[in-house]
Amino acid sequence: MPEDTFHWLDVQRIAEELAEEYPDIDPLAVSFPYLKELVESLPGFEAQPDHPSNERILEAIQATWIEEAQ
Protein backbone atom coordinates (compact mmCIF):
# COMPACT_ATOMS: atom_id res chain seq x y z
CA MET A 1 0.00 0.00 0.00
CA PRO A 2 1.45 3.40 -0.97
CA GLU A 3 2.40 5.75 1.85
CA ASP A 4 -0.22 8.35 0.99
CA THR A 5 -3.12 5.93 1.41
CA PHE A 6 -4.90 5.04 4.63
CA HIS A 7 -7.55 2.57 5.79
CA TRP A 8 -10.13 1.96 8.53
CA LEU A 9 -7.60 1.56 11.34
CA ASP A 10 -6.09 4.99 10.64
CA VAL A 11 -8.69 6.70 12.83
CA GLN A 12 -6.73 9.90 13.52
CA ARG A 13 -5.85 10.39 9.85
CA ILE A 14 -9.46 9.76 8.79
CA ALA A 15 -10.75 12.30 11.34
CA GLU A 16 -8.24 14.89 10.14
CA GLU A 17 -9.17 14.26 6.51
CA LEU A 18 -12.90 14.50 7.30
CA ALA A 19 -12.43 17.79 9.18
CA GLU A 20 -10.49 19.20 6.24
CA GLU A 21 -12.70 17.82 3.47
CA TYR A 22 -16.08 18.52 5.12
CA PRO A 23 -15.69 21.61 7.35
CA ASP A 24 -19.40 22.45 7.10
CA ILE A 25 -20.65 19.05 8.30
CA ASP A 26 -21.42 18.65 12.00
CA PRO A 27 -19.89 15.28 12.98
CA LEU A 28 -22.52 14.92 15.73
CA ALA A 29 -25.26 14.90 13.10
CA VAL A 30 -23.74 12.21 10.87
CA SER A 31 -25.23 8.72 10.90
CA PHE A 32 -22.88 5.74 10.76
CA PRO A 33 -24.00 4.70 7.25
CA TYR A 34 -23.34 8.25 5.99
CA LEU A 35 -20.04 8.42 7.89
CA LYS A 36 -18.96 5.21 6.17
CA GLU A 37 -19.79 6.77 2.78
CA LEU A 38 -17.87 9.94 3.64
CA VAL A 39 -14.79 7.99 4.70
CA GLU A 40 -14.89 5.78 1.62
CA SER A 41 -15.05 8.89 -0.60
CA LEU A 42 -11.93 10.51 0.91
CA PRO A 43 -8.99 10.84 -1.48
CA GLY A 44 -6.36 8.27 -0.52
CA PHE A 45 -8.71 6.00 1.41
CA GLU A 46 -8.33 2.31 0.53
CA ALA A 47 -10.35 -0.31 2.37
CA GLN A 48 -8.36 -3.36 3.44
CA PRO A 49 -10.12 -6.75 3.23
CA ASP A 50 -8.67 -7.85 6.57
CA HIS A 51 -9.84 -4.65 8.33
CA PRO A 52 -13.47 -3.90 7.44
CA SER A 53 -15.36 -1.10 9.10
CA ASN A 54 -17.59 -1.83 12.06
CA GLU A 55 -19.59 0.17 14.59
CA ARG A 56 -16.66 0.43 17.00
CA ILE A 57 -14.35 1.86 14.35
CA LEU A 58 -17.04 4.28 13.15
CA GLU A 59 -17.62 5.43 16.75
CA ALA A 60 -13.90 6.07 17.18
CA ILE A 61 -13.74 7.98 13.90
CA GLN A 62 -16.75 10.10 14.81
CA ALA A 63 -15.40 10.89 18.31
CA THR A 64 -12.01 11.87 16.90
CA TRP A 65 -13.63 13.93 14.14
CA ILE A 66 -15.64 15.81 16.79
CA GLU A 67 -12.36 16.65 18.55
CA GLU A 68 -10.76 17.74 15.27
CA ALA A 69 -13.73 19.94 14.39
CA GLN A 70 -13.55 21.91 17.65
PDB file of N, CA and C in Angstrom:
ATOM      1  N   MET A   1       0.850  -1.185   0.000  1.00  0.00           N
ATOM      2  CA  MET A   1       0.000   0.000   0.000  1.00  0.00           C
ATOM      3  C   MET A   1       0.891   1.241   0.000  1.00  0.00           C
ATOM      4  N   PRO A   2       0.650   2.179  -0.930  1.00  0.00           N
ATOM      5  CA  PRO A   2       1.450   3.404  -0.974  1.00  0.00           C
ATOM      6  C   PRO A   2       1.324   4.203   0.319  1.00  0.00           C
ATOM      7  N   GLU A   3       2.357   4.988   0.614  1.00  0.00           N
ATOM      8  CA  GLU A   3       2.397   5.748   1.855  1.00  0.00           C
ATOM      9  C   GLU A   3       1.277   6.767   1.997  1.00  0.00           C
ATOM     10  N   ASP A   4       0.792   7.310   0.901  1.00  0.00           N
ATOM     11  CA  ASP A   4      -0.223   8.353   0.987  1.00  0.00           C
ATOM     12  C   ASP A   4      -1.647   7.807   1.104  1.00  0.00           C
ATOM     13  N   THR A   5      -1.790   6.508   1.220  1.00  0.00           N
ATOM     14  CA  THR A   5      -3.116   5.931   1.410  1.00  0.00           C
ATOM     15  C   THR A   5      -3.307   5.580   2.882  1.00  0.00           C
ATOM     16  N   PHE A   6      -4.566   5.389   3.253  1.00  0.00           N
ATOM     17  CA  PHE A   6      -4.901   5.037   4.632  1.00  0.00           C
ATOM     18  C   PHE A   6      -6.138   4.154   4.613  1.00  0.00           C
ATOM     19  N   HIS A   7      -6.409   3.492   5.730  1.00  0.00           N
ATOM     20  CA  HIS A   7      -7.547   2.567   5.787  1.00  0.00           C
ATOM     21  C   HIS A   7      -8.262   2.708   7.125  1.00  0.00           C
ATOM     22  N   TRP A   8      -9.236   1.830   7.382  1.00  0.00           N
ATOM     23  CA  TRP A   8     -10.134   1.959   8.530  1.00  0.00           C
ATOM     24  C   TRP A   8      -9.422   2.083   9.882  1.00  0.00           C
ATOM     25  N   LEU A   9      -8.265   1.496  10.041  1.00  0.00           N
ATOM     26  CA  LEU A   9      -7.599   1.558  11.341  1.00  0.00           C
ATOM     27  C   LEU A   9      -6.843   2.874  11.564  1.00  0.00           C
ATOM     28  N   ASP A  10      -6.762   3.700  10.537  1.00  0.00           N
ATOM     29  CA  ASP A  10      -6.086   4.994  10.645  1.00  0.00           C
ATOM     30  C   ASP A  10      -7.079   6.069  11.112  1.00  0.00           C
ATOM     31  N   VAL A  11      -7.599   5.870  12.309  1.00  0.00           N
ATOM     32  CA  VAL A  11      -8.687   6.700  12.832  1.00  0.00           C
ATOM     33  C   VAL A  11      -8.309   8.182  12.883  1.00  0.00           C
ATOM     34  N   GLN A  12      -7.148   8.499  13.412  1.00  0.00           N
ATOM     35  CA  GLN A  12      -6.729   9.899  13.524  1.00  0.00           C
ATOM     36  C   GLN A  12      -6.617  10.545  12.145  1.00  0.00           C
ATOM     37  N   ARG A  13      -5.999   9.856  11.220  1.00  0.00           N
ATOM     38  CA  ARG A  13      -5.846  10.388   9.853  1.00  0.00           C
ATOM     39  C   ARG A  13      -7.210  10.594   9.209  1.00  0.00           C
ATOM     40  N   ILE A  14      -8.112   9.636   9.377  1.00  0.00           N
ATOM     41  CA  ILE A  14      -9.456   9.762   8.795  1.00  0.00           C
ATOM     42  C   ILE A  14     -10.160  10.986   9.377  1.00  0.00           C
ATOM     43  N   ALA A  15     -10.091  11.152  10.692  1.00  0.00           N
ATOM     44  CA  ALA A  15     -10.746  12.298  11.337  1.00  0.00           C
ATOM     45  C   ALA A  15     -10.182  13.613  10.824  1.00  0.00           C
ATOM     46  N   GLU A  16      -8.872  13.684  10.664  1.00  0.00           N
ATOM     47  CA  GLU A  16      -8.239  14.892  10.138  1.00  0.00           C
ATOM     48  C   GLU A  16      -8.698  15.166   8.710  1.00  0.00           C
ATOM     49  N   GLU A  17      -8.740  14.112   7.902  1.00  0.00           N
ATOM     50  CA  GLU A  17      -9.174  14.259   6.509  1.00  0.00           C
ATOM     51  C   GLU A  17     -10.641  14.699   6.436  1.00  0.00           C
ATOM     52  N   LEU A  18     -11.487  14.121   7.287  1.00  0.00           N
ATOM     53  CA  LEU A  18     -12.902  14.498   7.304  1.00  0.00           C
ATOM     54  C   LEU A  18     -13.063  15.964   7.698  1.00  0.00           C
ATOM     55  N   ALA A  19     -12.344  16.398   8.728  1.00  0.00           N
ATOM     56  CA  ALA A  19     -12.432  17.785   9.184  1.00  0.00           C
ATOM     57  C   ALA A  19     -11.997  18.752   8.086  1.00  0.00           C
ATOM     58  N   GLU A  20     -10.990  18.348   7.329  1.00  0.00           N
ATOM     59  CA  GLU A  20     -10.493  19.202   6.240  1.00  0.00           C
ATOM     60  C   GLU A  20     -11.422  19.175   5.034  1.00  0.00           C
ATOM     61  N   GLU A  21     -11.887  17.999   4.679  1.00  0.00           N
ATOM     62  CA  GLU A  21     -12.703  17.816   3.471  1.00  0.00           C
ATOM     63  C   GLU A  21     -14.145  18.305   3.657  1.00  0.00           C
ATOM     64  N   TYR A  22     -14.676  18.184   4.861  1.00  0.00           N
ATOM     65  CA  TYR A  22     -16.082  18.518   5.125  1.00  0.00           C
ATOM     66  C   TYR A  22     -16.211  19.469   6.317  1.00  0.00           C
ATOM     67  N   PRO A  23     -15.661  20.687   6.205  1.00  0.00           N
ATOM     68  CA  PRO A  23     -15.689  21.610   7.346  1.00  0.00           C
ATOM     69  C   PRO A  23     -17.092  22.067   7.736  1.00  0.00           C
ATOM     70  N   ASP A  24     -18.048  21.978   6.820  1.00  0.00           N
ATOM     71  CA  ASP A  24     -19.401  22.447   7.105  1.00  0.00           C
ATOM     72  C   ASP A  24     -20.324  21.363   7.634  1.00  0.00           C
ATOM     73  N   ILE A  25     -19.821  20.143   7.775  1.00  0.00           N
ATOM     74  CA  ILE A  25     -20.646  19.054   8.301  1.00  0.00           C
ATOM     75  C   ILE A  25     -20.410  18.923   9.800  1.00  0.00           C
ATOM     76  N   ASP A  26     -21.507  18.855  10.553  1.00  0.00           N
ATOM     77  CA  ASP A  26     -21.422  18.649  12.000  1.00  0.00           C
ATOM     78  C   ASP A  26     -21.264  17.149  12.249  1.00  0.00           C
ATOM     79  N   PRO A  27     -20.107  16.720  12.769  1.00  0.00           N
ATOM     80  CA  PRO A  27     -19.892  15.281  12.980  1.00  0.00           C
ATOM     81  C   PRO A  27     -20.909  14.648  13.924  1.00  0.00           C
ATOM     82  N   LEU A  28     -21.497  15.447  14.814  1.00  0.00           N
ATOM     83  CA  LEU A  28     -22.518  14.916  15.726  1.00  0.00           C
ATOM     84  C   LEU A  28     -23.805  14.537  15.000  1.00  0.00           C
ATOM     85  N   ALA A  29     -24.023  15.126  13.842  1.00  0.00           N
ATOM     86  CA  ALA A  29     -25.264  14.901  13.101  1.00  0.00           C
ATOM     87  C   ALA A  29     -25.137  13.817  12.030  1.00  0.00           C
ATOM     88  N   VAL A  30     -23.983  13.182  11.936  1.00  0.00           N
ATOM     89  CA  VAL A  30     -23.736  12.206  10.874  1.00  0.00           C
ATOM     90  C   VAL A  30     -24.071  10.788  11.355  1.00  0.00           C
ATOM     91  N   SER A  31     -24.907  10.118  10.590  1.00  0.00           N
ATOM     92  CA  SER A  31     -25.232   8.718  10.904  1.00  0.00           C
ATOM     93  C   SER A  31     -24.055   7.828  10.508  1.00  0.00           C
ATOM     94  N   PHE A  32     -23.981   6.638  11.094  1.00  0.00           N
ATOM     95  CA  PHE A  32     -22.878   5.740  10.761  1.00  0.00           C
ATOM     96  C   PHE A  32     -22.879   5.334   9.287  1.00  0.00           C
ATOM     97  N   PRO A  33     -24.045   5.036   8.679  1.00  0.00           N
ATOM     98  CA  PRO A  33     -24.004   4.702   7.251  1.00  0.00           C
ATOM     99  C   PRO A  33     -23.452   5.858   6.391  1.00  0.00           C
ATOM    100  N   TYR A  34     -23.837   7.090   6.744  1.00  0.00           N
ATOM    101  CA  TYR A  34     -23.339   8.245   5.995  1.00  0.00           C
ATOM    102  C   TYR A  34     -21.856   8.469   6.286  1.00  0.00           C
ATOM    103  N   LEU A  35     -21.449   8.289   7.529  1.00  0.00           N
ATOM    104  CA  LEU A  35     -20.036   8.421   7.888  1.00  0.00           C
ATOM    105  C   LEU A  35     -19.193   7.442   7.080  1.00  0.00           C
ATOM    106  N   LYS A  36     -19.680   6.226   6.952  1.00  0.00           N
ATOM    107  CA  LYS A  36     -18.962   5.208   6.172  1.00  0.00           C
ATOM    108  C   LYS A  36     -18.798   5.678   4.726  1.00  0.00           C
ATOM    109  N   GLU A  37     -19.863   6.245   4.156  1.00  0.00           N
ATOM    110  CA  GLU A  37     -19.789   6.772   2.780  1.00  0.00           C
ATOM    111  C   GLU A  37     -18.775   7.914   2.679  1.00  0.00           C
ATOM    112  N   LEU A  38     -18.799   8.817   3.666  1.00  0.00           N
ATOM    113  CA  LEU A  38     -17.870   9.944   3.640  1.00  0.00           C
ATOM    114  C   LEU A  38     -16.426   9.462   3.690  1.00  0.00           C
ATOM    115  N   VAL A  39     -16.152   8.520   4.571  1.00  0.00           N
ATOM    116  CA  VAL A  39     -14.789   7.990   4.701  1.00  0.00           C
ATOM    117  C   VAL A  39     -14.360   7.334   3.395  1.00  0.00           C
ATOM    118  N   GLU A  40     -15.230   6.507   2.842  1.00  0.00           N
ATOM    119  CA  GLU A  40     -14.888   5.783   1.618  1.00  0.00           C
ATOM    120  C   GLU A  40     -14.669   6.724   0.436  1.00  0.00           C
ATOM    121  N   SER A  41     -15.215   7.938   0.499  1.00  0.00           N
ATOM    122  CA  SER A  41     -15.050   8.893  -0.600  1.00  0.00           C
ATOM    123  C   SER A  41     -13.813   9.773  -0.435  1.00  0.00           C
ATOM    124  N   LEU A  42     -13.113   9.675   0.690  1.00  0.00           N
ATOM    125  CA  LEU A  42     -11.926  10.510   0.913  1.00  0.00           C
ATOM    126  C   LEU A  42     -10.804  10.130  -0.056  1.00  0.00           C
ATOM    127  N   PRO A  43     -10.138  11.133  -0.621  1.00  0.00           N
ATOM    128  CA  PRO A  43      -8.991  10.835  -1.481  1.00  0.00           C
ATOM    129  C   PRO A  43      -7.904  10.112  -0.679  1.00  0.00           C
ATOM    130  N   GLY A  44      -7.410   9.033  -1.196  1.00  0.00           N
ATOM    131  CA  GLY A  44      -6.362   8.274  -0.524  1.00  0.00           C
ATOM    132  C   GLY A  44      -6.863   7.149   0.353  1.00  0.00           C
ATOM    133  N   PHE A  45      -8.182   7.086   0.590  1.00  0.00           N
ATOM    134  CA  PHE A  45      -8.705   6.002   1.408  1.00  0.00           C
ATOM    135  C   PHE A  45      -8.770   4.721   0.594  1.00  0.00           C
ATOM    136  N   GLU A  46      -8.251   3.636   1.160  1.00  0.00           N
ATOM    137  CA  GLU A  46      -8.333   2.314   0.530  1.00  0.00           C
ATOM    138  C   GLU A  46      -8.729   1.299   1.589  1.00  0.00           C
ATOM    139  N   ALA A  47      -9.900   0.715   1.431  1.00  0.00           N
ATOM    140  CA  ALA A  47     -10.350  -0.313   2.372  1.00  0.00           C
ATOM    141  C   ALA A  47      -9.434  -1.528   2.265  1.00  0.00           C
ATOM    142  N   GLN A  48      -9.166  -2.147   3.391  1.00  0.00           N
ATOM    143  CA  GLN A  48      -8.356  -3.357   3.438  1.00  0.00           C
ATOM    144  C   GLN A  48      -9.278  -4.528   3.764  1.00  0.00           C
ATOM    145  N   PRO A  49      -9.210  -5.619   3.002  1.00  0.00           N
ATOM    146  CA  PRO A  49     -10.118  -6.746   3.230  1.00  0.00           C
ATOM    147  C   PRO A  49     -10.010  -7.335   4.639  1.00  0.00           C
ATOM    148  N   ASP A  50      -8.838  -7.273   5.242  1.00  0.00           N
ATOM    149  CA  ASP A  50      -8.675  -7.853   6.570  1.00  0.00           C
ATOM    150  C   ASP A  50      -9.034  -6.869   7.684  1.00  0.00           C
ATOM    151  N   HIS A  51      -9.425  -5.633   7.328  1.00  0.00           N
ATOM    152  CA  HIS A  51      -9.839  -4.647   8.326  1.00  0.00           C
ATOM    153  C   HIS A  51     -11.087  -3.912   7.848  1.00  0.00           C
ATOM    154  N   PRO A  52     -12.237  -4.578   7.860  1.00  0.00           N
ATOM    155  CA  PRO A  52     -13.468  -3.904   7.436  1.00  0.00           C
ATOM    156  C   PRO A  52     -13.925  -2.908   8.503  1.00  0.00           C
ATOM    157  N   SER A  53     -14.815  -2.038   8.121  1.00  0.00           N
ATOM    158  CA  SER A  53     -15.360  -1.096   9.104  1.00  0.00           C
ATOM    159  C   SER A  53     -16.383  -1.825   9.968  1.00  0.00           C
ATOM    160  N   ASN A  54     -16.537  -1.337  11.186  1.00  0.00           N
ATOM    161  CA  ASN A  54     -17.591  -1.832  12.061  1.00  0.00           C
ATOM    162  C   ASN A  54     -18.033  -0.674  12.952  1.00  0.00           C
ATOM    163  N   GLU A  55     -19.031  -0.910  13.772  1.00  0.00           N
ATOM    164  CA  GLU A  55     -19.585   0.169  14.588  1.00  0.00           C
ATOM    165  C   GLU A  55     -18.534   0.767  15.525  1.00  0.00           C
ATOM    166  N   ARG A  56     -17.688  -0.058  16.080  1.00  0.00           N
ATOM    167  CA  ARG A  56     -16.657   0.431  17.002  1.00  0.00           C
ATOM    168  C   ARG A  56     -15.676   1.379  16.305  1.00  0.00           C
ATOM    169  N   ILE A  57     -15.258   1.013  15.109  1.00  0.00           N
ATOM    170  CA  ILE A  57     -14.349   1.865  14.353  1.00  0.00           C
ATOM    171  C   ILE A  57     -15.045   3.170  13.967  1.00  0.00           C
ATOM    172  N   LEU A  58     -16.297   3.074  13.527  1.00  0.00           N
ATOM    173  CA  LEU A  58     -17.037   4.280  13.151  1.00  0.00           C
ATOM    174  C   LEU A  58     -17.238   5.200  14.355  1.00  0.00           C
ATOM    175  N   GLU A  59     -17.500   4.625  15.535  1.00  0.00           N
ATOM    176  CA  GLU A  59     -17.625   5.431  16.751  1.00  0.00           C
ATOM    177  C   GLU A  59     -16.318   6.162  17.050  1.00  0.00           C
ATOM    178  N   ALA A  60     -15.209   5.458  16.923  1.00  0.00           N
ATOM    179  CA  ALA A  60     -13.902   6.066  17.183  1.00  0.00           C
ATOM    180  C   ALA A  60     -13.614   7.184  16.188  1.00  0.00           C
ATOM    181  N   ILE A  61     -13.944   6.956  14.923  1.00  0.00           N
ATOM    182  CA  ILE A  61     -13.736   7.982  13.897  1.00  0.00           C
ATOM    183  C   ILE A  61     -14.592   9.205  14.206  1.00  0.00           C
ATOM    184  N   GLN A  62     -15.863   8.976  14.532  1.00  0.00           N
ATOM    185  CA  GLN A  62     -16.755  10.096  14.814  1.00  0.00           C
ATOM    186  C   GLN A  62     -16.274  10.887  16.037  1.00  0.00           C
ATOM    187  N   ALA A  63     -15.879  10.212  17.101  1.00  0.00           N
ATOM    188  CA  ALA A  63     -15.401  10.894  18.309  1.00  0.00           C
ATOM    189  C   ALA A  63     -14.144  11.712  18.009  1.00  0.00           C
ATOM    190  N   THR A  64     -13.248  11.159  17.231  1.00  0.00           N
ATOM    191  CA  THR A  64     -12.010  11.868  16.899  1.00  0.00           C
ATOM    192  C   THR A  64     -12.300  13.034  15.956  1.00  0.00           C
ATOM    193  N   TRP A  65     -13.227  12.851  15.046  1.00  0.00           N
ATOM    194  CA  TRP A  65     -13.627  13.928  14.141  1.00  0.00           C
ATOM    195  C   TRP A  65     -14.250  15.086  14.935  1.00  0.00           C
ATOM    196  N   ILE A  66     -15.049  14.775  15.938  1.00  0.00           N
ATOM    197  CA  ILE A  66     -15.641  15.813  16.790  1.00  0.00           C
ATOM    198  C   ILE A  66     -14.525  16.634  17.445  1.00  0.00           C
ATOM    199  N   GLU A  67     -13.507  15.952  17.947  1.00  0.00           N
ATOM    200  CA  GLU A  67     -12.359  16.655  18.555  1.00  0.00           C
ATOM    201  C   GLU A  67     -11.643  17.521  17.534  1.00  0.00           C
ATOM    202  N   GLU A  68     -11.445  16.988  16.328  1.00  0.00           N
ATOM    203  CA  GLU A  68     -10.759  17.737  15.273  1.00  0.00           C
ATOM    204  C   GLU A  68     -11.570  18.971  14.851  1.00  0.00           C
ATOM    205  N   ALA A  69     -12.874  18.852  14.860  1.00  0.00           N
ATOM    206  CA  ALA A  69     -13.727  19.935  14.386  1.00  0.00           C
ATOM    207  C   ALA A  69     -13.818  21.088  15.392  1.00  0.00           C
ATOM    208  N   GLN A  70     -13.429  20.868  16.624  1.00  0.00           N
ATOM    209  CA  GLN A  70     -13.546  21.912  17.650  1.00  0.00           C
ATOM    210  C   GLN A  70     -12.398  22.878  17.618  1.00  0.00           C
TER     211      GLN A  70
END
